[in-house]
Protein backbone atom coordinates (compact mmCIF):
# COMPACT_ATOMS: atom_id res chain seq x y z
CA MET A 1 5.15 -22.14 -26.27
CA LYS A 2 1.52 -21.43 -25.48
CA LYS A 3 -0.15 -23.31 -22.62
CA SER A 4 -3.21 -25.38 -23.30
CA PRO A 5 -6.47 -24.36 -21.57
CA ILE A 6 -6.09 -27.32 -19.23
CA GLU A 7 -2.53 -26.35 -18.28
CA SER A 8 -3.69 -22.78 -17.64
CA ALA A 9 -6.57 -23.99 -15.48
CA LEU A 10 -4.24 -26.26 -13.49
CA ALA A 11 -1.81 -23.39 -12.93
CA LEU A 12 -4.68 -21.22 -11.67
CA LEU A 13 -5.90 -23.96 -9.33
CA SER A 14 -2.39 -24.44 -8.00
CA LEU A 15 -2.05 -20.70 -7.32
CA ALA A 16 -5.46 -20.58 -5.64
CA SER A 17 -4.56 -23.56 -3.48
CA ARG A 18 -1.31 -21.94 -2.31
CA THR A 19 -3.16 -18.69 -1.60
CA LEU A 20 -5.82 -20.43 0.50
CA GLN A 21 -3.17 -22.28 2.47
CA THR A 22 -1.37 -19.12 3.54
CA PRO A 23 -0.97 -19.41 7.31
CA ALA A 24 -2.63 -16.88 9.55
CA PRO A 25 -0.31 -14.01 10.46
CA LYS A 26 1.48 -14.31 13.78
CA LEU A 27 0.38 -11.57 16.13
CA ASN A 28 1.76 -10.73 19.53
CA GLU A 29 -0.51 -10.29 22.56
CA SER A 30 -0.94 -6.53 22.08
CA GLN A 31 -1.82 -6.97 18.40
CA ARG A 32 -4.36 -9.71 19.21
CA LEU A 33 -5.96 -7.47 21.83
CA ALA A 34 -6.06 -4.56 19.40
CA LEU A 35 -7.77 -6.76 16.80
CA LYS A 36 -10.34 -7.95 19.34
CA TYR A 37 -10.99 -4.34 20.34
CA LEU A 38 -11.48 -3.27 16.72
CA GLU A 39 -13.78 -6.26 16.13
CA SER A 40 -15.85 -5.25 19.17
CA LYS A 41 -16.32 -1.76 17.72
CA ARG A 42 -17.23 -2.94 14.18
CA PRO A 43 -18.39 -1.24 12.00
CA GLU A 44 -17.20 1.89 13.80
CA PHE A 45 -13.76 3.34 13.01
CA VAL A 46 -11.65 4.31 16.04
CA SER A 47 -8.53 6.42 16.48
CA PRO A 48 -5.15 4.83 17.17
CA THR A 49 -5.11 6.89 20.37
CA GLU A 50 -8.26 5.13 21.57
CA VAL A 51 -6.77 1.75 20.66
CA GLY A 52 -3.56 2.63 22.53
CA HIS A 53 -5.46 3.74 25.64
CA GLU A 54 -7.67 0.65 25.69
CA ILE A 55 -4.91 -1.88 25.11
CA GLY A 56 -2.43 -0.05 27.33
CA ASP A 57 -4.96 0.08 30.17
CA HIS A 58 -5.68 -3.62 29.72
CA LEU A 59 -1.95 -4.41 29.96
CA GLY A 60 -1.48 -2.17 33.00
CA MET A 61 0.25 0.63 31.11
CA ASP A 62 -2.08 3.52 31.85
CA GLY A 63 -1.73 6.65 29.79
CA TRP A 64 -0.46 5.02 26.61
CA GLY A 65 -1.99 6.51 23.49
CA SER A 66 -1.30 6.85 19.79
CA ALA A 67 2.42 6.12 20.15
CA PHE A 68 1.38 2.65 21.30
CA GLY A 69 -1.82 2.22 19.27
CA LEU A 70 -0.57 3.38 15.87
CA PRO A 71 2.02 0.59 15.36
CA LEU A 72 -0.57 -1.98 16.47
CA CYS A 73 -3.11 -0.70 13.95
CA ASN A 74 -0.53 -0.44 11.16
CA LYS A 75 0.50 -4.07 11.72
CA LEU A 76 -3.13 -5.20 11.51
CA VAL A 77 -3.58 -3.25 8.26
CA SER A 78 -0.39 -4.70 6.79
CA VAL A 79 -1.61 -8.27 7.33
CA GLY A 80 -5.13 -7.51 6.08
CA LEU A 81 -6.96 -7.74 9.40
CA ALA A 82 -7.87 -4.06 9.65
CA VAL A 83 -8.56 -1.11 7.36
CA GLN A 84 -7.76 2.57 7.66
CA ASN A 85 -10.08 5.35 6.53
CA ASP A 86 -9.13 8.71 5.03
CA VAL A 87 -8.89 10.45 8.43
CA GLY A 88 -6.54 7.85 9.91
CA TYR A 89 -9.00 5.86 11.97
CA TYR A 90 -9.08 2.05 11.98
CA ALA A 91 -11.66 -0.71 11.88
CA ALA A 92 -11.49 -4.50 11.75
CA ALA A 93 -11.60 -5.79 8.18
CA THR A 94 -14.81 -7.50 7.19
CA LYS A 95 -14.55 -11.22 6.65
């Protein structure tokens, strides 16, 4: 059975409403700090090593690098808050 144009429009509005009401992703403290750091560098792309050093230093874990920064950046990309370029550097997503 084919939907009427009104039924189709209502279905689209319902989908759009659910999409807009999607709650913000839950981020831990390190992820929030990484996002703030990337936002402060916008529009520049930075390496996960730089992110790891900056956030690690802020948390009192000197010497942390890409092993710490890469999972933070990947999480931000997976929830749409950051983007990765072709050389593996990250930037905050534009709003």
